[in-house]
Amino acid sequence: MNNELTMSVSSKIGPKGEKKIYVRFSDDTRSAEICSPAMDVIKNVGFTEEEISQLKDYIKSESKTIEDLASTVSPLKAFMGGK
């Protein structure tokens, strides 16, 4: 079994000044979705509260990198099968 944790990042969503980024973490058995910058947990399947806290800390510490990733995401290209 591969327990590698992967992270997926949405594009920036919402009106100017209220942009949100949805960050999803998952492995073979668990998944969690957290909305940044509010750090609201949208979904959690299998992560402990301590692990969720660590994921939130990671998002906060890597917020610039995550924002840069989100700015490169194109929902239309993803829908059409592109990168």
PDB file of N, CA and C in Angstrom:
ATOM      1  N   MET A   1       0.849  -1.185   0.000  1.00  0.00           N
ATOM      2  CA  MET A   1       0.000   0.000   0.000  1.00  0.00           C
ATOM      3  C   MET A   1       0.889   1.242   0.000  1.00  0.00           C
ATOM      4  N   ASN A   2       0.559   2.210  -0.822  1.00  0.00           N
ATOM      5  CA  ASN A   2       1.291   3.454  -0.940  1.00  0.00           C
ATOM      6  C   ASN A   2       0.620   4.507  -0.056  1.00  0.00           C
ATOM      7  N   ASN A   3       1.322   4.960   0.972  1.00  0.00           N
ATOM      8  CA  ASN A   3       0.756   5.962   1.881  1.00  0.00           C
ATOM      9  C   ASN A   3       1.262   7.362   1.573  1.00  0.00           C
ATOM     10  N   GLU A   4       1.667   7.599   0.337  1.00  0.00           N
ATOM     11  CA  GLU A   4       2.161   8.909  -0.049  1.00  0.00           C
ATOM     12  C   GLU A   4       1.013   9.907  -0.022  1.00  0.00           C
ATOM     13  N   LEU A   5       1.247  11.026   0.650  1.00  0.00           N
ATOM     14  CA  LEU A   5       0.241  12.081   0.747  1.00  0.00           C
ATOM     15  C   LEU A   5       0.411  13.023  -0.440  1.00  0.00           C
ATOM     16  N   THR A   6      -0.668  13.232  -1.177  1.00  0.00           N
ATOM     17  CA  THR A   6      -0.626  14.161  -2.302  1.00  0.00           C
ATOM     18  C   THR A   6      -1.470  15.389  -1.988  1.00  0.00           C
ATOM     19  N   MET A   7      -1.107  16.497  -2.648  1.00  0.00           N
ATOM     20  CA  MET A   7      -1.821  17.750  -2.449  1.00  0.00           C
ATOM     21  C   MET A   7      -2.297  18.249  -3.807  1.00  0.00           C
ATOM     22  N   SER A   8      -3.553  18.668  -3.870  1.00  0.00           N
ATOM     23  CA  SER A   8      -4.118  19.295  -5.062  1.00  0.00           C
ATOM     24  C   SER A   8      -4.595  20.683  -4.679  1.00  0.00           C
ATOM     25  N   VAL A   9      -4.445  21.622  -5.612  1.00  0.00           N
ATOM     26  CA  VAL A   9      -4.796  23.014  -5.343  1.00  0.00           C
ATOM     27  C   VAL A   9      -5.764  23.498  -6.414  1.00  0.00           C
ATOM     28  N   SER A  10      -6.845  24.162  -5.996  1.00  0.00           N
ATOM     29  CA  SER A  10      -7.797  24.743  -6.944  1.00  0.00           C
ATOM     30  C   SER A  10      -7.265  26.066  -7.466  1.00  0.00           C
ATOM     31  N   SER A  11      -7.931  26.590  -8.460  1.00  0.00           N
ATOM     32  CA  SER A  11      -7.655  27.968  -8.874  1.00  0.00           C
ATOM     33  C   SER A  11      -8.214  28.892  -7.791  1.00  0.00           C
ATOM     34  N   LYS A  12      -7.863  30.167  -7.874  1.00  0.00           N
ATOM     35  CA  LYS A  12      -8.425  31.144  -6.936  1.00  0.00           C
ATOM     36  C   LYS A  12      -9.877  31.372  -7.325  1.00  0.00           C
ATOM     37  N   ILE A  13     -10.771  31.245  -6.344  1.00  0.00           N
ATOM     38  CA  ILE A  13     -12.206  31.296  -6.584  1.00  0.00           C
ATOM     39  C   ILE A  13     -12.829  32.411  -5.750  1.00  0.00           C
ATOM     40  N   GLY A  14     -13.752  33.156  -6.346  1.00  0.00           N
ATOM     41  CA  GLY A  14     -14.485  34.175  -5.617  1.00  0.00           C
ATOM     42  C   GLY A  14     -14.211  35.565  -6.137  1.00  0.00           C
ATOM     43  N   PRO A  15     -14.981  36.537  -5.627  1.00  0.00           N
ATOM     44  CA  PRO A  15     -14.812  37.919  -6.080  1.00  0.00           C
ATOM     45  C   PRO A  15     -13.482  38.506  -5.604  1.00  0.00           C
ATOM     46  N   LYS A  16     -13.015  39.512  -6.324  1.00  0.00           N
ATOM     47  CA  LYS A  16     -11.758  40.169  -5.971  1.00  0.00           C
ATOM     48  C   LYS A  16     -11.794  40.628  -4.511  1.00  0.00           C
ATOM     49  N   GLY A  17     -10.721  40.381  -3.806  1.00  0.00           N
ATOM     50  CA  GLY A  17     -10.643  40.741  -2.401  1.00  0.00           C
ATOM     51  C   GLY A  17     -11.157  39.650  -1.472  1.00  0.00           C
ATOM     52  N   GLU A  18     -11.839  38.647  -2.024  1.00  0.00           N
ATOM     53  CA  GLU A  18     -12.374  37.539  -1.220  1.00  0.00           C
ATOM     54  C   GLU A  18     -11.994  36.194  -1.834  1.00  0.00           C
ATOM     55  N   LYS A  19     -10.865  36.152  -2.525  1.00  0.00           N
ATOM     56  CA  LYS A  19     -10.447  34.930  -3.209  1.00  0.00           C
ATOM     57  C   LYS A  19     -10.166  33.811  -2.216  1.00  0.00           C
ATOM     58  N   LYS A  20     -10.589  32.619  -2.588  1.00  0.00           N
ATOM     59  CA  LYS A  20     -10.362  31.424  -1.786  1.00  0.00           C
ATOM     60  C   LYS A  20      -9.617  30.404  -2.628  1.00  0.00           C
ATOM     61  N   ILE A  21      -8.858  29.572  -1.958  1.00  0.00           N
ATOM     62  CA  ILE A  21      -8.171  28.464  -2.607  1.00  0.00           C
ATOM     63  C   ILE A  21      -8.525  27.206  -1.829  1.00  0.00           C
ATOM     64  N   TYR A  22      -8.964  26.185  -2.540  1.00  0.00           N
ATOM     65  CA  TYR A  22      -9.283  24.913  -1.910  1.00  0.00           C
ATOM     66  C   TYR A  22      -8.089  23.978  -2.072  1.00  0.00           C
ATOM     67  N   VAL A  23      -7.599  23.482  -0.935  1.00  0.00           N
ATOM     68  CA  VAL A  23      -6.429  22.610  -0.926  1.00  0.00           C
ATOM     69  C   VAL A  23      -6.880  21.231  -0.456  1.00  0.00           C
ATOM     70  N   ARG A  24      -6.571  20.212  -1.264  1.00  0.00           N
ATOM     71  CA  ARG A  24      -6.985  18.845  -0.944  1.00  0.00           C
ATOM     72  C   ARG A  24      -5.746  17.984  -0.708  1.00  0.00           C
ATOM     73  N   PHE A  25      -5.763  17.269   0.383  1.00  0.00           N
ATOM     74  CA  PHE A  25      -4.714  16.306   0.711  1.00  0.00           C
ATOM     75  C   PHE A  25      -5.339  14.918   0.695  1.00  0.00           C
ATOM     76  N   SER A  26      -4.623  13.946   0.138  1.00  0.00           N
ATOM     77  CA  SER A  26      -5.166  12.587   0.124  1.00  0.00           C
ATOM     78  C   SER A  26      -4.047  11.560   0.015  1.00  0.00           C
ATOM     79  N   ASP A  27      -4.367  10.374   0.494  1.00  0.00           N
ATOM     80  CA  ASP A  27      -3.538   9.191   0.278  1.00  0.00           C
ATOM     81  C   ASP A  27      -4.485   8.047  -0.054  1.00  0.00           C
ATOM     82  N   ASP A  28      -4.046   6.828   0.106  1.00  0.00           N
ATOM     83  CA  ASP A  28      -4.875   5.688  -0.283  1.00  0.00           C
ATOM     84  C   ASP A  28      -6.180   5.571   0.504  1.00  0.00           C
ATOM     85  N   THR A  29      -6.195   6.049   1.740  1.00  0.00           N
ATOM     86  CA  THR A  29      -7.375   5.819   2.582  1.00  0.00           C
ATOM     87  C   THR A  29      -7.985   7.082   3.180  1.00  0.00           C
ATOM     88  N   ARG A  30      -7.286   8.210   3.095  1.00  0.00           N
ATOM     89  CA  ARG A  30      -7.760   9.429   3.756  1.00  0.00           C
ATOM     90  C   ARG A  30      -7.812  10.581   2.767  1.00  0.00           C
ATOM     91  N   SER A  31      -8.662  11.558   3.073  1.00  0.00           N
ATOM     92  CA  SER A  31      -8.682  12.789   2.285  1.00  0.00           C
ATOM     93  C   SER A  31      -9.218  13.931   3.150  1.00  0.00           C
ATOM     94  N   ALA A  32      -8.732  15.113   2.851  1.00  0.00           N
ATOM     95  CA  ALA A  32      -9.195  16.311   3.553  1.00  0.00           C
ATOM     96  C   ALA A  32      -9.132  17.481   2.594  1.00  0.00           C
ATOM     97  N   GLU A  33     -10.126  18.360   2.703  1.00  0.00           N
ATOM     98  CA  GLU A  33     -10.157  19.573   1.901  1.00  0.00           C
ATOM     99  C   GLU A  33     -10.262  20.758   2.839  1.00  0.00           C
ATOM    100  N   ILE A  34      -9.357  21.712   2.657  1.00  0.00           N
ATOM    101  CA  ILE A  34      -9.287  22.887   3.526  1.00  0.00           C
ATOM    102  C   ILE A  34      -9.323  24.130   2.650  1.00  0.00           C
ATOM    103  N   CYS A  35     -10.132  25.095   3.043  1.00  0.00           N
ATOM    104  CA  CYS A  35     -10.274  26.347   2.307  1.00  0.00           C
ATOM    105  C   CYS A  35      -9.338  27.393   2.911  1.00  0.00           C
ATOM    106  N   SER A  36      -8.484  27.949   2.065  1.00  0.00           N
ATOM    107  CA  SER A  36      -7.546  28.982   2.498  1.00  0.00           C
ATOM    108  C   SER A  36      -8.029  30.324   1.952  1.00  0.00           C
ATOM    109  N   PRO A  37      -7.930  31.413   2.644  1.00  0.00           N
ATOM    110  CA  PRO A  37      -7.134  31.622   3.838  1.00  0.00           C
ATOM    111  C   PRO A  37      -7.876  31.404   5.160  1.00  0.00           C
ATOM    112  N   ALA A  38      -9.161  31.125   5.126  1.00  0.00           N
ATOM    113  CA  ALA A  38      -9.933  30.993   6.369  1.00  0.00           C
ATOM    114  C   ALA A  38      -9.575  29.745   7.177  1.00  0.00           C
ATOM    115  N   MET A  39      -8.972  28.748   6.523  1.00  0.00           N
ATOM    116  CA  MET A  39      -8.595  27.470   7.140  1.00  0.00           C
ATOM    117  C   MET A  39      -9.811  26.669   7.595  1.00  0.00           C
ATOM    118  N   ASP A  40     -10.926  26.841   6.870  1.00  0.00           N
ATOM    119  CA  ASP A  40     -12.120  26.042   7.140  1.00  0.00           C
ATOM    120  C   ASP A  40     -11.916  24.639   6.582  1.00  0.00           C
ATOM    121  N   VAL A  41     -12.238  23.628   7.393  1.00  0.00           N
ATOM    122  CA  VAL A  41     -12.175  22.252   6.916  1.00  0.00           C
ATOM    123  C   VAL A  41     -13.490  21.949   6.215  1.00  0.00           C
ATOM    124  N   ILE A  42     -13.428  21.718   4.923  1.00  0.00           N
ATOM    125  CA  ILE A  42     -14.612  21.445   4.123  1.00  0.00           C
ATOM    126  C   ILE A  42     -14.989  19.975   4.238  1.00  0.00           C
ATOM    127  N   LYS A  43     -13.964  19.116   4.238  1.00  0.00           N
ATOM    128  CA  LYS A  43     -14.190  17.683   4.299  1.00  0.00           C
ATOM    129  C   LYS A  43     -12.996  17.032   4.976  1.00  0.00           C
ATOM    130  N   ASN A  44     -13.271  16.021   5.793  1.00  0.00           N
ATOM    131  CA  ASN A  44     -12.203  15.250   6.424  1.00  0.00           C
ATOM    132  C   ASN A  44     -12.651  13.801   6.548  1.00  0.00           C
ATOM    133  N   VAL A  45     -11.910  12.930   5.895  1.00  0.00           N
ATOM    134  CA  VAL A  45     -12.171  11.499   5.996  1.00  0.00           C
ATOM    135  C   VAL A  45     -10.871  10.824   6.421  1.00  0.00           C
ATOM    136  N   GLY A  46     -10.760  10.503   7.704  1.00  0.00           N
ATOM    137  CA  GLY A  46      -9.653   9.699   8.173  1.00  0.00           C
ATOM    138  C   GLY A  46      -8.495  10.407   8.833  1.00  0.00           C
ATOM    139  N   PHE A  47      -8.407  11.719   8.745  1.00  0.00           N
ATOM    140  CA  PHE A  47      -7.321  12.430   9.409  1.00  0.00           C
ATOM    141  C   PHE A  47      -7.718  12.749  10.850  1.00  0.00           C
ATOM    142  N   THR A  48      -6.769  12.652  11.772  1.00  0.00           N
ATOM    143  CA  THR A  48      -7.014  13.024  13.162  1.00  0.00           C
ATOM    144  C   THR A  48      -7.023  14.547  13.280  1.00  0.00           C
ATOM    145  N   GLU A  49      -7.520  15.059  14.387  1.00  0.00           N
ATOM    146  CA  GLU A  49      -7.519  16.502  14.620  1.00  0.00           C
ATOM    147  C   GLU A  49      -6.091  17.053  14.613  1.00  0.00           C
ATOM    148  N   GLU A  50      -5.161  16.296  15.174  1.00  0.00           N
ATOM    149  CA  GLU A  50      -3.753  16.718  15.187  1.00  0.00           C
ATOM    150  C   GLU A  50      -3.200  16.794  13.757  1.00  0.00           C
ATOM    151  N   GLU A  51      -3.535  15.817  12.931  1.00  0.00           N
ATOM    152  CA  GLU A  51      -3.077  15.830  11.540  1.00  0.00           C
ATOM    153  C   GLU A  51      -3.686  16.998  10.767  1.00  0.00           C
ATOM    154  N   ILE A  52      -4.965  17.291  11.019  1.00  0.00           N
ATOM    155  CA  ILE A  52      -5.616  18.437  10.373  1.00  0.00           C
ATOM    156  C   ILE A  52      -4.915  19.726  10.791  1.00  0.00           C
ATOM    157  N   SER A  53      -4.573  19.830  12.049  1.00  0.00           N
ATOM    158  CA  SER A  53      -3.853  21.001  12.538  1.00  0.00           C
ATOM    159  C   SER A  53      -2.502  21.142  11.828  1.00  0.00           C
ATOM    160  N   GLN A  54      -1.822  20.026  11.615  1.00  0.00           N
ATOM    161  CA  GLN A  54      -0.542  20.043  10.904  1.00  0.00           C
ATOM    162  C   GLN A  54      -0.730  20.449   9.442  1.00  0.00           C
ATOM    163  N   LEU A  55      -1.795  19.975   8.809  1.00  0.00           N
ATOM    164  CA  LEU A  55      -2.069  20.360   7.427  1.00  0.00           C
ATOM    165  C   LEU A  55      -2.361  21.858   7.330  1.00  0.00           C
ATOM    166  N   LYS A  56      -3.117  22.390   8.281  1.00  0.00           N
ATOM    167  CA  LYS A  56      -3.399  23.826   8.307  1.00  0.00           C
ATOM    168  C   LYS A  56      -2.108  24.618   8.482  1.00  0.00           C
ATOM    169  N   ASP A  57      -1.243  24.151   9.382  1.00  0.00           N
ATOM    170  CA  ASP A  57       0.049  24.818   9.593  1.00  0.00           C
ATOM    171  C   ASP A  57       0.872  24.807   8.310  1.00  0.00           C
ATOM    172  N   TYR A  58       0.821  23.696   7.588  1.00  0.00           N
ATOM    173  CA  TYR A  58       1.554  23.589   6.329  1.00  0.00           C
ATOM    174  C   TYR A  58       1.020  24.608   5.322  1.00  0.00           C
ATOM    175  N   ILE A  59      -0.301  24.690   5.204  1.00  0.00           N
ATOM    176  CA  ILE A  59      -0.899  25.644   4.271  1.00  0.00           C
ATOM    177  C   ILE A  59      -0.483  27.068   4.626  1.00  0.00           C
ATOM    178  N   LYS A  60      -0.517  27.396   5.907  1.00  0.00           N
ATOM    179  CA  LYS A  60      -0.118  28.741   6.348  1.00  0.00           C
ATOM    180  C   LYS A  60       1.345  29.016   6.021  1.00  0.00           C
ATOM    181  N   SER A  61       2.216  28.063   6.306  1.00  0.00           N
ATOM    182  CA  SER A  61       3.647  28.288   6.095  1.00  0.00           C
ATOM    183  C   SER A  61       4.018  28.305   4.613  1.00  0.00           C
ATOM    184  N   GLU A  62       3.226  27.646   3.782  1.00  0.00           N
ATOM    185  CA  GLU A  62       3.496  27.581   2.348  1.00  0.00           C
ATOM    186  C   GLU A  62       2.479  28.378   1.535  1.00  0.00           C
ATOM    187  N   SER A  63       1.872  29.378   2.164  1.00  0.00           N
ATOM    188  CA  SER A  63       0.790  30.118   1.512  1.00  0.00           C
ATOM    189  C   SER A  63       1.234  30.770   0.202  1.00  0.00           C
ATOM    190  N   LYS A  64       2.421  31.315   0.135  1.00  0.00           N
ATOM    191  CA  LYS A  64       2.905  31.951  -1.090  1.00  0.00           C
ATOM    192  C   LYS A  64       3.032  30.912  -2.209  1.00  0.00           C
ATOM    193  N   THR A  65       3.623  29.763  -1.906  1.00  0.00           N
ATOM    194  CA  THR A  65       3.776  28.702  -2.905  1.00  0.00           C
ATOM    195  C   THR A  65       2.412  28.209  -3.373  1.00  0.00           C
ATOM    196  N   ILE A  66       1.475  28.030  -2.438  1.00  0.00           N
ATOM    197  CA  ILE A  66       0.136  27.555  -2.778  1.00  0.00           C
ATOM    198  C   ILE A  66      -0.593  28.590  -3.637  1.00  0.00           C
ATOM    199  N   GLU A  67      -0.458  29.875  -3.307  1.00  0.00           N
ATOM    200  CA  GLU A  67      -1.074  30.929  -4.126  1.00  0.00           C
ATOM    201  C   GLU A  67      -0.482  30.928  -5.533  1.00  0.00           C
ATOM    202  N   ASP A  68       0.840  30.734  -5.637  1.00  0.00           N
ATOM    203  CA  ASP A  68       1.484  30.678  -6.950  1.00  0.00           C
ATOM    204  C   ASP A  68       0.955  29.490  -7.762  1.00  0.00           C
ATOM    205  N   LEU A  69       0.804  28.338  -7.107  1.00  0.00           N
ATOM    206  CA  LEU A  69       0.251  27.161  -7.787  1.00  0.00           C
ATOM    207  C   LEU A  69      -1.178  27.434  -8.254  1.00  0.00           C
ATOM    208  N   ALA A  70      -1.978  28.026  -7.372  1.00  0.00           N
ATOM    209  CA  ALA A  70      -3.385  28.299  -7.697  1.00  0.00           C
ATOM    210  C   ALA A  70      -3.508  29.245  -8.885  1.00  0.00           C
ATOM    211  N   SER A  71      -2.575  30.163  -9.020  1.00  0.00           N
ATOM    212  CA  SER A  71      -2.651  31.119 -10.133  1.00  0.00           C
ATOM    213  C   SER A  71      -2.335  30.463 -11.476  1.00  0.00           C
ATOM    214  N   THR A  72      -1.745  29.270 -11.454  1.00  0.00           N
ATOM    215  CA  THR A  72      -1.434  28.564 -12.702  1.00  0.00           C
ATOM    216  C   THR A  72      -2.512  27.555 -13.093  1.00  0.00           C
ATOM    217  N   VAL A  73      -3.474  27.330 -12.205  1.00  0.00           N
ATOM    218  CA  VAL A  73      -4.530  26.351 -12.478  1.00  0.00           C
ATOM    219  C   VAL A  73      -5.577  26.968 -13.398  1.00  0.00           C
ATOM    220  N   SER A  74      -5.883  26.272 -14.467  1.00  0.00           N
ATOM    221  CA  SER A  74      -6.917  26.707 -15.393  1.00  0.00           C
ATOM    222  C   SER A  74      -8.054  25.696 -15.371  1.00  0.00           C
ATOM    223  N   PRO A  75      -9.193  26.040 -14.757  1.00  0.00           N
ATOM    224  CA  PRO A  75     -10.310  25.094 -14.698  1.00  0.00           C
ATOM    225  C   PRO A  75     -10.769  24.634 -16.078  1.00  0.00           C
ATOM    226  N   LEU A  76     -10.767  25.515 -17.043  1.00  0.00           N
ATOM    227  CA  LEU A  76     -11.204  25.158 -18.399  1.00  0.00           C
ATOM    228  C   LEU A  76     -10.246  24.137 -19.017  1.00  0.00           C
ATOM    229  N   LYS A  77      -8.937  24.375 -18.881  1.00  0.00           N
ATOM    230  CA  LYS A  77      -7.962  23.422 -19.417  1.00  0.00           C
ATOM    231  C   LYS A  77      -8.087  22.073 -18.710  1.00  0.00           C
ATOM    232  N   ALA A  78      -8.282  22.091 -17.399  1.00  0.00           N
ATOM    233  CA  ALA A  78      -8.431  20.829 -16.658  1.00  0.00           C
ATOM    234  C   ALA A  78      -9.667  20.071 -17.130  1.00  0.00           C
ATOM    235  N   PHE A  79     -10.748  20.810 -17.342  1.00  0.00           N
ATOM    236  CA  PHE A  79     -11.987  20.201 -17.824  1.00  0.00           C
ATOM    237  C   PHE A  79     -11.806  19.587 -19.207  1.00  0.00           C
ATOM    238  N   MET A  80     -11.015  20.249 -20.038  1.00  0.00           N
ATOM    239  CA  MET A  80     -10.790  19.800 -21.412  1.00  0.00           C
ATOM    240  C   MET A  80      -9.681  18.744 -21.511  1.00  0.00           C
ATOM    241  N   GLY A  81      -9.087  18.388 -20.367  1.00  0.00           N
ATOM    242  CA  GLY A  81      -8.062  17.345 -20.371  1.00  0.00           C
ATOM    243  C   GLY A  81      -6.650  17.869 -20.488  1.00  0.00           C
ATOM    244  N   GLY A  82      -6.444  19.161 -20.401  1.00  0.00           N
ATOM    245  CA  GLY A  82      -5.104  19.745 -20.452  1.00  0.00           C
ATOM    246  C   GLY A  82      -4.541  19.911 -19.065  1.00  0.00           C
ATOM    247  N   LYS A  83      -3.411  20.579 -18.997  1.00  0.00           N
ATOM    248  CA  LYS A  83      -2.770  20.827 -17.690  1.00  0.00           C
ATOM    249  C   LYS A  83      -3.125  22.187 -17.170  1.00  0.00           C
TER     250      LYS A  83
END
